[in-house]
Amino acid sequence: MTRAGNAPLFGPPPVEVFDPVPEDDLRAAIVAGVPELLDDLDGDTRNVLLTLARILSTLATGEIRAKDAAADWVLERLPAIHRPVLAEARALYVAGEYGSWTERRPEVRALARYLTASVREVYPS
């Protein structure tokens, strides 16, 4: 991200200081964090769902997107049954709100399972 922005706060441009992260290292690192991320599903639902979307988007395209942009990318490819939950998470994120997910736990968990399975399809570890 730092290299992509290439905007120093002080000193030389980041592309002159930092080597690119090898793609395989990036992919392995983001996939390795999925189990710990899922541990926070009930406590930080919105961000966990959006981070899973971001992981899937990054693995599939090689592009690191903001959470809302990654959700847009995933929403275009997501089965209709899962779209409302991810769309709600995205809308809450854009509004700076967290919302209550208590009533939607089954849908949330189904989406999380789907996204996790999709990540494993794109990057089997």
Protein backbone atom coordinates (compact mmCIF):
# COMPACT_ATOMS: atom_id res chain seq x y z
CA MET A 1 0.00 0.00 0.00
CA THR A 2 2.82 2.35 0.86
CA ARG A 3 4.56 1.70 -2.43
CA ALA A 4 1.31 2.06 -4.37
CA GLY A 5 0.59 5.47 -2.83
CA ASN A 6 4.26 6.49 -3.10
CA ALA A 7 3.63 9.62 -1.02
CA PRO A 8 6.32 10.19 1.61
CA LEU A 9 5.60 12.08 4.79
CA PHE A 10 9.30 12.81 4.97
CA GLY A 11 12.27 11.67 2.95
CA PRO A 12 12.48 9.83 -0.35
CA PRO A 13 9.49 8.24 -2.09
CA PRO A 14 8.56 4.81 -0.69
CA VAL A 15 9.35 3.03 -3.96
CA GLU A 16 12.97 4.12 -3.49
CA VAL A 17 13.12 2.77 0.08
CA PHE A 18 10.96 -0.37 0.21
CA ASP A 19 11.25 -3.47 -1.93
CA PRO A 20 7.96 -4.85 -3.25
CA VAL A 21 6.43 -7.62 -1.13
CA PRO A 22 6.59 -10.85 -3.12
CA GLU A 23 3.10 -11.83 -4.25
CA ASP A 24 3.34 -15.31 -2.72
CA ASP A 25 4.29 -13.78 0.65
CA LEU A 26 1.35 -11.38 0.53
CA ARG A 27 -1.09 -14.14 -0.40
CA ALA A 28 0.18 -16.52 2.29
CA ALA A 29 0.08 -13.81 4.96
CA ILE A 30 -3.48 -12.71 4.31
CA VAL A 31 -4.78 -16.28 4.15
CA ALA A 32 -2.95 -17.19 7.36
CA GLY A 33 -4.95 -14.53 9.21
CA VAL A 34 -8.37 -15.91 8.26
CA PRO A 35 -8.87 -18.27 11.25
CA GLU A 36 -8.07 -15.51 13.76
CA LEU A 37 -10.29 -13.12 11.83
CA LEU A 38 -13.22 -15.55 12.06
CA ASP A 39 -12.79 -15.66 15.84
CA ASP A 40 -13.98 -12.01 15.85
CA LEU A 41 -17.06 -12.62 13.68
CA ASP A 42 -19.58 -12.14 16.50
CA GLY A 43 -17.81 -9.16 18.07
CA ASP A 44 -16.86 -7.20 14.94
CA THR A 45 -19.19 -8.57 12.30
CA ARG A 46 -19.09 -5.68 9.87
CA ASN A 47 -15.31 -5.50 9.70
CA VAL A 48 -14.78 -9.25 9.58
CA LEU A 49 -17.13 -9.64 6.62
CA LEU A 50 -15.55 -6.71 4.80
CA THR A 51 -12.04 -7.99 5.51
CA LEU A 52 -12.98 -11.41 4.13
CA ALA A 53 -14.26 -9.64 1.01
CA ARG A 54 -11.02 -7.68 0.83
CA ILE A 55 -8.94 -10.86 1.15
CA LEU A 56 -10.93 -12.59 -1.59
CA SER A 57 -10.68 -9.57 -3.87
CA THR A 58 -6.93 -9.25 -3.32
CA LEU A 59 -6.29 -12.95 -3.93
CA ALA A 60 -8.39 -12.99 -7.09
CA THR A 61 -7.11 -9.78 -8.64
CA GLY A 62 -3.77 -8.96 -7.04
CA GLU A 63 -5.12 -5.49 -6.25
CA ILE A 64 -5.47 -4.26 -2.68
CA ARG A 65 -8.73 -2.34 -2.41
CA ALA A 66 -10.41 -0.40 0.37
CA LYS A 67 -13.05 -2.42 2.23
CA ASP A 68 -15.99 -0.79 0.48
CA ALA A 69 -14.41 -1.19 -2.97
CA ALA A 70 -13.56 -4.83 -2.23
CA ALA A 71 -17.17 -5.39 -1.13
CA ASP A 72 -18.35 -3.88 -4.44
CA TRP A 73 -16.10 -6.30 -6.33
CA VAL A 74 -17.34 -9.29 -4.34
CA LEU A 75 -21.00 -8.23 -4.50
CA GLU A 76 -20.87 -8.46 -8.31
CA ARG A 77 -19.79 -12.10 -8.01
CA LEU A 78 -21.66 -13.22 -4.92
CA PRO A 79 -24.69 -15.52 -5.07
CA ALA A 80 -27.88 -13.52 -4.56
CA ILE A 81 -28.65 -15.20 -1.24
CA HIS A 82 -25.52 -13.66 0.36
CA ARG A 83 -25.67 -10.19 -1.18
CA PRO A 84 -27.97 -8.49 1.37
CA VAL A 85 -25.65 -9.20 4.31
CA LEU A 86 -22.51 -7.98 2.55
CA ALA A 87 -24.36 -4.97 1.16
CA GLU A 88 -25.48 -4.08 4.68
CA ALA A 89 -21.94 -4.43 6.03
CA ARG A 90 -20.70 -2.16 3.25
CA ALA A 91 -23.41 0.44 3.85
CA LEU A 92 -22.67 0.49 7.58
CA TYR A 93 -18.95 0.90 6.89
CA VAL A 94 -19.53 3.82 4.53
CA ALA A 95 -21.85 5.45 7.10
CA GLY A 96 -19.33 4.88 9.92
CA GLU A 97 -21.77 2.69 11.83
CA TYR A 98 -21.60 -0.86 13.13
CA GLY A 99 -25.22 -1.94 13.42
CA SER A 100 -26.71 -4.89 15.26
CA TRP A 101 -26.29 -8.33 13.74
CA THR A 102 -28.00 -10.39 16.45
CA GLU A 103 -31.06 -11.20 14.36
CA ARG A 104 -28.97 -12.04 11.28
CA ARG A 105 -26.43 -14.43 12.83
CA PRO A 106 -27.39 -17.40 10.59
CA GLU A 107 -27.05 -15.26 7.44
CA VAL A 108 -23.79 -13.73 8.69
CA ARG A 109 -22.29 -17.14 9.41
CA ALA A 110 -23.43 -18.49 6.03
CA LEU A 111 -21.76 -15.57 4.25
CA ALA A 112 -18.58 -15.98 6.30
CA ARG A 113 -18.48 -19.70 5.40
CA TYR A 114 -19.02 -18.90 1.73
CA LEU A 115 -16.30 -16.23 1.65
CA THR A 116 -13.87 -18.46 3.54
CA ALA A 117 -14.51 -21.34 1.12
CA SER A 118 -14.01 -18.95 -1.80
CA VAL A 119 -10.69 -17.80 -0.34
CA ARG A 120 -9.60 -21.44 -0.06
CA GLU A 121 -10.60 -22.06 -3.69
CA VAL A 122 -8.53 -19.12 -4.88
CA TYR A 123 -5.59 -19.89 -2.58
CA PRO A 124 -5.52 -23.46 -1.33
CA SER A 125 -3.01 -23.63 1.51
